[in-house]
């Protein structure tokens, strides 16, 4: 269903969210993107990957990387190097910085929540 064909008034809330995604949903609406981002934030920020290397590191197919790499570049999550043959996490972009900050905050919360509750 394309935006131009659908009447937002007749859509369910979920259909409207998918048809008119927030920035977050736009970035994470594809199954493999969250795995790619997770792998990238865990890698050395200077490390460059080919699509095949990134696929192996993230645990996704090379086709998934090929399908989503342009979105990651467009959003500033990764930057192209070596004339577009290699990619690295983009800490120079605001989006790249915010993802790292969010990841650190959530990781800190996760560590806190794994401790036994005190009565």
C-alpha atoms as a PDB file:
ATOM      1  CA  UNK A   1       0.000   0.000   0.000  1.00  0.00           C
ATOM      2  CA  UNK A   2       1.478   3.355  -1.041  1.00  0.00           C
ATOM      3  CA  UNK A   3       0.819   6.609   0.778  1.00  0.00           C
ATOM      4  CA  UNK A   4      -0.833   8.194  -2.237  1.00  0.00           C
ATOM      5  CA  UNK A   5      -3.293   5.316  -2.604  1.00  0.00           C
ATOM      6  CA  UNK A   6      -4.340   5.030   1.015  1.00  0.00           C
ATOM      7  CA  UNK A   7      -6.810   7.261   2.814  1.00  0.00           C
ATOM      8  CA  UNK A   8      -5.295   7.911   6.266  1.00  0.00           C
ATOM      9  CA  UNK A   9      -8.806   8.272   7.693  1.00  0.00           C
ATOM     10  CA  UNK A  10      -9.569   4.648   6.760  1.00  0.00           C
ATOM     11  CA  UNK A  11      -6.285   3.207   8.042  1.00  0.00           C
ATOM     12  CA  UNK A  12      -5.761   1.514  11.365  1.00  0.00           C
ATOM     13  CA  UNK A  13      -3.290   3.129  13.742  1.00  0.00           C
ATOM     14  CA  UNK A  14      -0.665   0.515  12.821  1.00  0.00           C
ATOM     15  CA  UNK A  15      -1.198   1.085   9.090  1.00  0.00           C
ATOM     16  CA  UNK A  16      -0.800   4.862   9.578  1.00  0.00           C
ATOM     17  CA  UNK A  17       2.406   4.327  11.576  1.00  0.00           C
ATOM     18  CA  UNK A  18       3.840   2.161   8.805  1.00  0.00           C
ATOM     19  CA  UNK A  19       2.672   4.481   6.015  1.00  0.00           C
ATOM     20  CA  UNK A  20       3.951   7.607   7.813  1.00  0.00           C
ATOM     21  CA  UNK A  21       6.857   6.356   9.946  1.00  0.00           C
ATOM     22  CA  UNK A  22       8.709   8.381  12.540  1.00  0.00           C
ATOM     23  CA  UNK A  23      12.451   8.687  12.040  1.00  0.00           C
ATOM     24  CA  UNK A  24      12.990   5.819  14.456  1.00  0.00           C
ATOM     25  CA  UNK A  25      10.554   3.511  12.683  1.00  0.00           C
ATOM     26  CA  UNK A  26      11.971   4.491   9.290  1.00  0.00           C
ATOM     27  CA  UNK A  27      15.415   3.429  10.468  1.00  0.00           C
ATOM     28  CA  UNK A  28      14.365   0.220  12.242  1.00  0.00           C
ATOM     29  CA  UNK A  29      11.419  -0.953  10.134  1.00  0.00           C
ATOM     30  CA  UNK A  30      13.523  -3.624   8.439  1.00  0.00           C
ATOM     31  CA  UNK A  31      14.397  -6.795  10.330  1.00  0.00           C
ATOM     32  CA  UNK A  32      18.143  -6.692   9.781  1.00  0.00           C
ATOM     33  CA  UNK A  33      18.813  -3.002  10.406  1.00  0.00           C
ATOM     34  CA  UNK A  34      18.788  -3.291  14.191  1.00  0.00           C
ATOM     35  CA  UNK A  35      21.298  -6.161  13.986  1.00  0.00           C
ATOM     36  CA  UNK A  36      23.545  -4.139  11.680  1.00  0.00           C
ATOM     37  CA  UNK A  37      23.461  -1.125  14.013  1.00  0.00           C
ATOM     38  CA  UNK A  38      24.100  -3.325  17.051  1.00  0.00           C
ATOM     39  CA  UNK A  39      27.149  -4.820  15.359  1.00  0.00           C
ATOM     40  CA  UNK A  40      28.444  -1.427  14.280  1.00  0.00           C
ATOM     41  CA  UNK A  41      28.223   0.125  17.762  1.00  0.00           C
ATOM     42  CA  UNK A  42      30.176  -2.830  19.157  1.00  0.00           C
ATOM     43  CA  UNK A  43      32.945  -2.575  16.548  1.00  0.00           C
ATOM     44  CA  UNK A  44      35.998  -0.367  16.695  1.00  0.00           C
ATOM     45  CA  UNK A  45      34.692   2.892  15.168  1.00  0.00           C
ATOM     46  CA  UNK A  46      37.737   3.031  12.875  1.00  0.00           C
ATOM     47  CA  UNK A  47      37.107  -0.456  11.495  1.00  0.00           C
ATOM     48  CA  UNK A  48      36.005  -0.556   7.883  1.00  0.00           C
ATOM     49  CA  UNK A  49      33.824  -3.349   6.533  1.00  0.00           C
ATOM     50  CA  UNK A  50      32.973  -4.662   3.120  1.00  0.00           C
ATOM     51  CA  UNK A  51      29.320  -5.622   2.769  1.00  0.00           C
ATOM     52  CA  UNK A  52      30.287  -9.279   3.185  1.00  0.00           C
ATOM     53  CA  UNK A  53      32.334  -8.588   6.330  1.00  0.00           C
ATOM     54  CA  UNK A  54      29.538  -6.488   7.826  1.00  0.00           C
ATOM     55  CA  UNK A  55      27.011  -9.230   7.084  1.00  0.00           C
ATOM     56  CA  UNK A  56      29.173 -11.836   8.813  1.00  0.00           C
ATOM     57  CA  UNK A  57      29.879  -9.559  11.796  1.00  0.00           C
ATOM     58  CA  UNK A  58      26.180  -8.719  12.224  1.00  0.00           C
ATOM     59  CA  UNK A  59      24.918 -12.247  11.585  1.00  0.00           C
ATOM     60  CA  UNK A  60      22.730 -11.274   8.625  1.00  0.00           C
ATOM     61  CA  UNK A  61      22.796 -12.128   4.955  1.00  0.00           C
ATOM     62  CA  UNK A  62      24.833 -10.145   2.470  1.00  0.00           C
ATOM     63  CA  UNK A  63      21.586  -9.429   0.648  1.00  0.00           C
ATOM     64  CA  UNK A  64      20.252  -7.739   3.808  1.00  0.00           C
ATOM     65  CA  UNK A  65      23.316  -5.509   3.981  1.00  0.00           C
ATOM     66  CA  UNK A  66      23.008  -4.678   0.292  1.00  0.00           C
ATOM     67  CA  UNK A  67      19.296  -3.908   0.707  1.00  0.00           C
ATOM     68  CA  UNK A  68      19.736  -1.600   3.736  1.00  0.00           C
ATOM     69  CA  UNK A  69      23.191  -0.025   3.412  1.00  0.00           C
ATOM     70  CA  UNK A  70      21.846   2.979   1.487  1.00  0.00           C
ATOM     71  CA  UNK A  71      19.375   3.732   4.290  1.00  0.00           C
ATOM     72  CA  UNK A  72      22.183   3.538   6.854  1.00  0.00           C
ATOM     73  CA  UNK A  73      24.306   5.902   4.750  1.00  0.00           C
ATOM     74  CA  UNK A  74      21.366   8.261   4.168  1.00  0.00           C
ATOM     75  CA  UNK A  75      20.643   8.457   7.903  1.00  0.00           C
ATOM     76  CA  UNK A  76      24.296   9.010   8.772  1.00  0.00           C
ATOM     77  CA  UNK A  77      24.752   5.732  10.641  1.00  0.00           C
ATOM     78  CA  UNK A  78      27.560   4.608   8.344  1.00  0.00           C
ATOM     79  CA  UNK A  79      29.850   6.395   5.952  1.00  0.00           C
ATOM     80  CA  UNK A  80      31.280   5.065   2.725  1.00  0.00           C
ATOM     81  CA  UNK A  81      35.017   4.694   2.352  1.00  0.00           C
ATOM     82  CA  UNK A  82      37.269   3.316  -0.388  1.00  0.00           C
ATOM     83  CA  UNK A  83      35.048   4.764  -3.088  1.00  0.00           C
ATOM     84  CA  UNK A  84      31.898   3.123  -1.707  1.00  0.00           C
ATOM     85  CA  UNK A  85      33.406  -0.355  -1.419  1.00  0.00           C
ATOM     86  CA  UNK A  86      33.839  -0.209   2.374  1.00  0.00           C
ATOM     87  CA  UNK A  87      31.802   1.202   5.253  1.00  0.00           C
ATOM     88  CA  UNK A  88      32.443   2.289   8.820  1.00  0.00           C
ATOM     89  CA  UNK A  89      30.293   3.516  11.693  1.00  0.00           C
ATOM     90  CA  UNK A  90      29.838   7.284  11.374  1.00  0.00           C
ATOM     91  CA  UNK A  91      30.682   8.883  14.714  1.00  0.00           C
ATOM     92  CA  UNK A  92      30.964  12.225  12.922  1.00  0.00           C
ATOM     93  CA  UNK A  93      27.213  12.341  12.300  1.00  0.00           C
ATOM     94  CA  UNK A  94      24.704  13.475  14.907  1.00  0.00           C
ATOM     95  CA  UNK A  95      22.668  10.294  14.360  1.00  0.00           C
ATOM     96  CA  UNK A  96      25.761   8.126  14.880  1.00  0.00           C
ATOM     97  CA  UNK A  97      26.583   9.981  18.101  1.00  0.00           C
ATOM     98  CA  UNK A  98      23.023   9.726  19.401  1.00  0.00           C
ATOM     99  CA  UNK A  99      22.842   5.986  18.739  1.00  0.00           C
ATOM    100  CA  UNK A 100      26.077   5.452  20.704  1.00  0.00           C
ATOM    101  CA  UNK A 101      24.750   7.588  23.570  1.00  0.00           C
ATOM    102  CA  UNK A 102      21.408   5.765  23.614  1.00  0.00           C
ATOM    103  CA  UNK A 103      23.186   2.408  23.514  1.00  0.00           C
ATOM    104  CA  UNK A 104      25.375   3.387  26.482  1.00  0.00           C
ATOM    105  CA  UNK A 105      22.386   4.604  28.510  1.00  0.00           C
ATOM    106  CA  UNK A 106      20.398   1.447  27.799  1.00  0.00           C
ATOM    107  CA  UNK A 107      23.382  -0.757  28.575  1.00  0.00           C
ATOM    108  CA  UNK A 108      23.799   1.028  31.920  1.00  0.00           C
ATOM    109  CA  UNK A 109      20.127   0.473  32.709  1.00  0.00           C
ATOM    110  CA  UNK A 110      20.410  -3.172  31.706  1.00  0.00           C
ATOM    111  CA  UNK A 111      23.301  -3.715  34.093  1.00  0.00           C
ATOM    112  CA  UNK A 112      21.324  -2.122  36.890  1.00  0.00           C
ATOM    113  CA  UNK A 113      18.297  -4.268  36.181  1.00  0.00           C
ATOM    114  CA  UNK A 114      20.275  -7.516  36.244  1.00  0.00           C
ATOM    115  CA  UNK A 115      21.174  -7.063  39.894  1.00  0.00           C
ATOM    116  CA  UNK A 116      18.943  -8.870  42.377  1.00  0.00           C
ATOM    117  CA  UNK A 117      16.231  -6.724  43.852  1.00  0.00           C
ATOM    118  CA  UNK A 118      16.771  -5.741  47.470  1.00  0.00           C
ATOM    119  CA  UNK A 119      13.852  -6.013  49.808  1.00  0.00           C
END
